[in-house]
Amino acid sequence: MRVIGGKYKRFPLEALKGVTSRPTTDKIKETMFNIIGPLEGSGLDLFAGSGALGIEGLSRGLSHVVFVDGSFQAVQVIKKNVSKLDEQVEVYKNDYKRALKALVKREIQFDIIFLDPPYDKGIIGDALPYIRTNNLLKPGGLIMIECEKHETIDTLDYEVLKHDDYGITKLILLRGIE
């Protein structure tokens, strides 16, 4: 695994070991960031895994990223990967619901949120309304979702900018409705 674009292009990333993780392929990651375009501001990498999406965001212009994952092993890998970068990052081991509640209490808003949870768990359907209701996304902010292509997602509170299938994966880019 590696960073595929920006100032850290070709920077090697340690991957999570084990069958429960599903790292985003380079092809999907490249497609994802081509869809998103230029980045700036702050990001949230929820269900961060190895931190690859947030690190790619930092490489392409984000100034600050919060990484959240519920796995101790994932958090260790993220910390190892970001330790080699000179960037503003926060890394937390937490359940996504608790993490979102903590971010609301801190009154943090993000320019982009990456949602790449385990497939077919219905997590995105829980997270999207919470993000909207609690104003975790800045006006005009983006949410990039990676999910299983057959997963149904209610995007009523968001403008769908892009919705495409890539093999078993679906990418959806949303913008918060102001």
C-alpha atoms as a PDB file:
ATOM      1  CA  MET A   1       0.000   0.000   0.000  1.00  0.00           C
ATOM      2  CA  ARG A   2       1.152   3.496  -0.770  1.00  0.00           C
ATOM      3  CA  VAL A   3       0.072   7.106  -1.217  1.00  0.00           C
ATOM      4  CA  ILE A   4      -0.806   7.569  -4.888  1.00  0.00           C
ATOM      5  CA  GLY A   5      -0.789  11.351  -5.351  1.00  0.00           C
ATOM      6  CA  GLY A   6       0.218  14.705  -3.910  1.00  0.00           C
ATOM      7  CA  LYS A   7       3.248  15.650  -1.858  1.00  0.00           C
ATOM      8  CA  TYR A   8       3.621  12.166  -0.323  1.00  0.00           C
ATOM      9  CA  LYS A   9       3.218  10.308  -3.621  1.00  0.00           C
ATOM     10  CA  ARG A  10       4.757   6.805  -3.436  1.00  0.00           C
ATOM     11  CA  PHE A  11       5.046   7.036   0.361  1.00  0.00           C
ATOM     12  CA  PRO A  12       4.685   3.442   1.633  1.00  0.00           C
ATOM     13  CA  LEU A  13       1.882   2.703   4.084  1.00  0.00           C
ATOM     14  CA  GLU A  14       1.721  -0.185   6.486  1.00  0.00           C
ATOM     15  CA  ALA A  15      -1.457  -2.216   6.005  1.00  0.00           C
ATOM     16  CA  LEU A  16      -3.641  -3.931   8.558  1.00  0.00           C
ATOM     17  CA  LYS A  17      -2.988  -7.635   8.799  1.00  0.00           C
ATOM     18  CA  GLY A  18      -5.893 -10.080   8.824  1.00  0.00           C
ATOM     19  CA  VAL A  19      -8.981 -11.087   6.942  1.00  0.00           C
ATOM     20  CA  THR A  20     -11.367  -8.630   8.609  1.00  0.00           C
ATOM     21  CA  SER A  21      -9.812  -5.593   6.957  1.00  0.00           C
ATOM     22  CA  ARG A  22     -10.605  -4.546   3.403  1.00  0.00           C
ATOM     23  CA  PRO A  23      -8.100  -1.925   2.264  1.00  0.00           C
ATOM     24  CA  THR A  24      -9.154   0.436  -0.501  1.00  0.00           C
ATOM     25  CA  THR A  25      -7.348  -0.599  -3.677  1.00  0.00           C
ATOM     26  CA  ASP A  26      -5.061   1.888  -5.426  1.00  0.00           C
ATOM     27  CA  LYS A  27      -7.441   1.946  -8.408  1.00  0.00           C
ATOM     28  CA  ILE A  28     -10.455   2.796  -6.233  1.00  0.00           C
ATOM     29  CA  LYS A  29      -8.424   5.331  -4.232  1.00  0.00           C
ATOM     30  CA  GLU A  30      -7.231   7.045  -7.408  1.00  0.00           C
ATOM     31  CA  THR A  31     -10.782   7.146  -8.775  1.00  0.00           C
ATOM     32  CA  MET A  32     -12.058   8.475  -5.449  1.00  0.00           C
ATOM     33  CA  PHE A  33      -9.600  11.354  -5.304  1.00  0.00           C
ATOM     34  CA  ASN A  34     -10.044  12.201  -8.992  1.00  0.00           C
ATOM     35  CA  ILE A  35     -13.774  12.542  -8.275  1.00  0.00           C
ATOM     36  CA  ILE A  36     -13.167  14.691  -5.184  1.00  0.00           C
ATOM     37  CA  GLY A  37     -10.688  17.046  -6.840  1.00  0.00           C
ATOM     38  CA  PRO A  38      -8.523  19.577  -4.965  1.00  0.00           C
ATOM     39  CA  LEU A  39      -8.674  19.481  -1.170  1.00  0.00           C
ATOM     40  CA  GLU A  40      -8.144  21.966   1.623  1.00  0.00           C
ATOM     41  CA  GLY A  41      -9.162  22.343   5.237  1.00  0.00           C
ATOM     42  CA  SER A  42      -9.958  19.540   7.641  1.00  0.00           C
ATOM     43  CA  GLY A  43     -11.003  15.930   7.185  1.00  0.00           C
ATOM     44  CA  LEU A  44     -12.448  13.052   9.170  1.00  0.00           C
ATOM     45  CA  ASP A  45     -11.399   9.509   8.286  1.00  0.00           C
ATOM     46  CA  LEU A  46     -14.069   7.474  10.079  1.00  0.00           C
ATOM     47  CA  PHE A  47     -13.490   3.690  10.056  1.00  0.00           C
ATOM     48  CA  ALA A  48      -9.924   4.641   9.141  1.00  0.00           C
ATOM     49  CA  GLY A  49      -8.318   1.177   9.007  1.00  0.00           C
ATOM     50  CA  SER A  50      -4.709   1.923   8.058  1.00  0.00           C
ATOM     51  CA  GLY A  51      -5.453   5.641   7.637  1.00  0.00           C
ATOM     52  CA  ALA A  52      -4.833   5.481   3.893  1.00  0.00           C
ATOM     53  CA  LEU A  53      -7.727   7.760   2.886  1.00  0.00           C
ATOM     54  CA  GLY A  54      -6.935  10.460   5.437  1.00  0.00           C
ATOM     55  CA  ILE A  55      -3.232  10.319   4.611  1.00  0.00           C
ATOM     56  CA  GLU A  56      -4.034  10.587   0.901  1.00  0.00           C
ATOM     57  CA  GLY A  57      -6.145  13.638   1.788  1.00  0.00           C
ATOM     58  CA  LEU A  58      -3.227  15.200   3.677  1.00  0.00           C
ATOM     59  CA  SER A  59      -0.967  14.497   0.719  1.00  0.00           C
ATOM     60  CA  ARG A  60      -3.431  16.298  -1.555  1.00  0.00           C
ATOM     61  CA  GLY A  61      -3.970  19.439   0.513  1.00  0.00           C
ATOM     62  CA  LEU A  62      -5.871  18.813   3.745  1.00  0.00           C
ATOM     63  CA  SER A  63      -4.270  20.653   6.665  1.00  0.00           C
ATOM     64  CA  HIS A  64      -5.727  18.528   9.489  1.00  0.00           C
ATOM     65  CA  VAL A  65      -7.258  15.042   9.692  1.00  0.00           C
ATOM     66  CA  VAL A  66      -8.971  13.209  12.534  1.00  0.00           C
ATOM     67  CA  PHE A  67      -8.622   9.414  12.238  1.00  0.00           C
ATOM     68  CA  VAL A  68     -11.089   7.142  14.061  1.00  0.00           C
ATOM     69  CA  ASP A  69     -11.206   3.364  14.210  1.00  0.00           C
ATOM     70  CA  GLY A  70     -12.597   0.927  16.751  1.00  0.00           C
ATOM     71  CA  SER A  71      -9.724  -1.530  16.393  1.00  0.00           C
ATOM     72  CA  PHE A  72      -6.634  -1.283  18.590  1.00  0.00           C
ATOM     73  CA  GLN A  73      -4.538  -2.843  15.811  1.00  0.00           C
ATOM     74  CA  ALA A  74      -5.837  -0.304  13.272  1.00  0.00           C
ATOM     75  CA  VAL A  75      -5.027   2.617  15.555  1.00  0.00           C
ATOM     76  CA  GLN A  76      -1.470   1.298  16.025  1.00  0.00           C
ATOM     77  CA  VAL A  77      -1.033   1.060  12.239  1.00  0.00           C
ATOM     78  CA  ILE A  78      -2.441   4.576  11.729  1.00  0.00           C
ATOM     79  CA  LYS A  79      -0.092   5.996  14.376  1.00  0.00           C
ATOM     80  CA  LYS A  80       2.860   4.290  12.714  1.00  0.00           C
ATOM     81  CA  ASN A  81       1.857   5.586   9.264  1.00  0.00           C
ATOM     82  CA  VAL A  82       1.293   9.201  10.359  1.00  0.00           C
ATOM     83  CA  SER A  83       4.399   9.296  12.580  1.00  0.00           C
ATOM     84  CA  LYS A  84       6.512   9.672   9.447  1.00  0.00           C
ATOM     85  CA  LEU A  85       4.573  12.739   8.287  1.00  0.00           C
ATOM     86  CA  ASP A  86       4.864  16.328   9.438  1.00  0.00           C
ATOM     87  CA  GLU A  87       1.112  16.936   9.599  1.00  0.00           C
ATOM     88  CA  GLN A  88      -1.611  17.934  12.049  1.00  0.00           C
ATOM     89  CA  VAL A  89      -3.441  14.728  12.909  1.00  0.00           C
ATOM     90  CA  GLU A  90      -5.498  13.260  15.719  1.00  0.00           C
ATOM     91  CA  VAL A  91      -5.894   9.483  16.082  1.00  0.00           C
ATOM     92  CA  TYR A  92      -8.599   7.910  18.239  1.00  0.00           C
ATOM     93  CA  LYS A  93      -9.606   4.365  19.087  1.00  0.00           C
ATOM     94  CA  ASN A  94     -13.340   4.585  19.500  1.00  0.00           C
ATOM     95  CA  ASP A  95     -16.672   3.266  18.321  1.00  0.00           C
ATOM     96  CA  TYR A  96     -17.907   5.520  15.517  1.00  0.00           C
ATOM     97  CA  LYS A  97     -21.028   6.632  17.428  1.00  0.00           C
ATOM     98  CA  ARG A  98     -19.016   7.686  20.471  1.00  0.00           C
ATOM     99  CA  ALA A  99     -16.437   9.370  18.258  1.00  0.00           C
ATOM    100  CA  LEU A 100     -19.101  11.392  16.437  1.00  0.00           C
ATOM    101  CA  LYS A 101     -20.667  12.446  19.770  1.00  0.00           C
ATOM    102  CA  ALA A 102     -17.238  13.542  21.051  1.00  0.00           C
ATOM    103  CA  LEU A 103     -16.607  15.582  17.892  1.00  0.00           C
ATOM    104  CA  VAL A 104     -20.009  17.274  18.280  1.00  0.00           C
ATOM    105  CA  LYS A 105     -19.100  18.257  21.856  1.00  0.00           C
ATOM    106  CA  ARG A 106     -15.875  19.799  20.547  1.00  0.00           C
ATOM    107  CA  GLU A 107     -17.926  21.714  17.939  1.00  0.00           C
ATOM    108  CA  ILE A 108     -15.674  20.521  15.139  1.00  0.00           C
ATOM    109  CA  GLN A 109     -16.791  20.726  11.515  1.00  0.00           C
ATOM    110  CA  PHE A 110     -15.091  19.083   8.558  1.00  0.00           C
ATOM    111  CA  ASP A 111     -14.558  20.009   4.921  1.00  0.00           C
ATOM    112  CA  ILE A 112     -14.594  16.333   3.965  1.00  0.00           C
ATOM    113  CA  ILE A 113     -15.582  13.116   5.699  1.00  0.00           C
ATOM    114  CA  PHE A 114     -14.469   9.699   4.456  1.00  0.00           C
ATOM    115  CA  LEU A 115     -16.920   6.891   5.280  1.00  0.00           C
ATOM    116  CA  ASP A 116     -15.558   3.442   4.466  1.00  0.00           C
ATOM    117  CA  PRO A 117     -17.129   1.141   7.074  1.00  0.00           C
ATOM    118  CA  PRO A 118     -17.374  -2.645   6.994  1.00  0.00           C
ATOM    119  CA  TYR A 119     -19.647  -3.670   4.133  1.00  0.00           C
ATOM    120  CA  ASP A 120     -23.333  -4.520   4.665  1.00  0.00           C
ATOM    121  CA  LYS A 121     -23.613  -3.487   8.302  1.00  0.00           C
ATOM    122  CA  GLY A 122     -26.007  -0.546   7.781  1.00  0.00           C
ATOM    123  CA  ILE A 123     -23.526   1.781   9.440  1.00  0.00           C
ATOM    124  CA  ILE A 124     -23.682   4.477   6.775  1.00  0.00           C
ATOM    125  CA  GLY A 125     -27.447   4.699   7.232  1.00  0.00           C
ATOM    126  CA  ASP A 126     -26.850   5.511  10.916  1.00  0.00           C
ATOM    127  CA  ALA A 127     -23.895   7.846  10.408  1.00  0.00           C
ATOM    128  CA  LEU A 128     -25.228  10.118   7.627  1.00  0.00           C
ATOM    129  CA  PRO A 129     -28.268  11.501   9.503  1.00  0.00           C
ATOM    130  CA  TYR A 130     -26.176  12.000  12.643  1.00  0.00           C
ATOM    131  CA  ILE A 131     -23.526  13.928  10.696  1.00  0.00           C
ATOM    132  CA  ARG A 132     -26.219  16.136   9.134  1.00  0.00           C
ATOM    133  CA  THR A 133     -28.284  16.721  12.280  1.00  0.00           C
ATOM    134  CA  ASN A 134     -25.228  17.631  14.339  1.00  0.00           C
ATOM    135  CA  ASN A 135     -23.551  19.867  11.743  1.00  0.00           C
ATOM    136  CA  LEU A 136     -20.297  17.922  11.576  1.00  0.00           C
ATOM    137  CA  LEU A 137     -19.926  18.895   7.913  1.00  0.00           C
ATOM    138  CA  LYS A 138     -19.081  22.484   6.994  1.00  0.00           C
ATOM    139  CA  PRO A 139     -21.445  24.229   4.546  1.00  0.00           C
ATOM    140  CA  GLY A 140     -20.576  22.894   1.105  1.00  0.00           C
ATOM    141  CA  GLY A 141     -18.524  20.104   2.665  1.00  0.00           C
ATOM    142  CA  LEU A 142     -18.164  16.684   1.064  1.00  0.00           C
ATOM    143  CA  ILE A 143     -18.721  13.110   2.183  1.00  0.00           C
ATOM    144  CA  MET A 144     -16.996  10.339   0.231  1.00  0.00           C
ATOM    145  CA  ILE A 145     -18.596   6.945   0.795  1.00  0.00           C
ATOM    146  CA  GLU A 146     -17.114   3.600  -0.174  1.00  0.00           C
ATOM    147  CA  CYS A 147     -19.531   0.707   0.283  1.00  0.00           C
ATOM    148  CA  GLU A 148     -20.702  -2.582  -1.206  1.00  0.00           C
ATOM    149  CA  LYS A 149     -22.485  -1.877  -4.497  1.00  0.00           C
ATOM    150  CA  HIS A 150     -25.774  -3.473  -3.413  1.00  0.00           C
ATOM    151  CA  GLU A 151     -25.996  -1.474  -0.176  1.00  0.00           C
ATOM    152  CA  THR A 152     -28.930   0.953  -0.152  1.00  0.00           C
ATOM    153  CA  ILE A 153     -28.127   4.369   1.268  1.00  0.00           C
ATOM    154  CA  ASP A 154     -30.601   7.171   2.010  1.00  0.00           C
ATOM    155  CA  THR A 155     -29.018  10.386   0.726  1.00  0.00           C
ATOM    156  CA  LEU A 156     -32.089  12.657   1.060  1.00  0.00           C
ATOM    157  CA  ASP A 157     -30.292  15.213   3.230  1.00  0.00           C
ATOM    158  CA  TYR A 158     -27.438  15.515   0.748  1.00  0.00           C
ATOM    159  CA  GLU A 159     -26.794  16.436  -2.868  1.00  0.00           C
ATOM    160  CA  VAL A 160     -25.418  13.423  -4.766  1.00  0.00           C
ATOM    161  CA  LEU A 161     -22.488  14.661  -6.871  1.00  0.00           C
ATOM    162  CA  LYS A 162     -21.316  11.244  -8.065  1.00  0.00           C
ATOM    163  CA  HIS A 163     -22.591   7.678  -7.747  1.00  0.00           C
ATOM    164  CA  ASP A 164     -20.709   4.913  -9.573  1.00  0.00           C
ATOM    165  CA  ASP A 165     -20.064   1.190  -9.215  1.00  0.00           C
ATOM    166  CA  TYR A 166     -16.578  -0.294  -9.536  1.00  0.00           C
ATOM    167  CA  GLY A 167     -16.778  -4.091  -9.365  1.00  0.00           C
ATOM    168  CA  ILE A 168     -18.243  -4.965  -5.957  1.00  0.00           C
ATOM    169  CA  THR A 169     -17.627  -1.422  -4.697  1.00  0.00           C
ATOM    170  CA  LYS A 170     -19.811   1.662  -4.928  1.00  0.00           C
ATOM    171  CA  LEU A 171     -18.445   5.189  -4.546  1.00  0.00           C
ATOM    172  CA  ILE A 172     -20.802   8.015  -3.645  1.00  0.00           C
ATOM    173  CA  LEU A 173     -19.750  11.650  -3.316  1.00  0.00           C
ATOM    174  CA  LEU A 174     -22.201  13.802  -1.377  1.00  0.00           C
ATOM    175  CA  ARG A 175     -22.376  17.490  -0.582  1.00  0.00           C
ATOM    176  CA  GLY A 176     -24.309  18.790   2.383  1.00  0.00           C
ATOM    177  CA  ILE A 177     -27.405  20.753   1.385  1.00  0.00           C
ATOM    178  CA  GLU A 178     -27.094  24.264   2.768  1.00  0.00           C
END
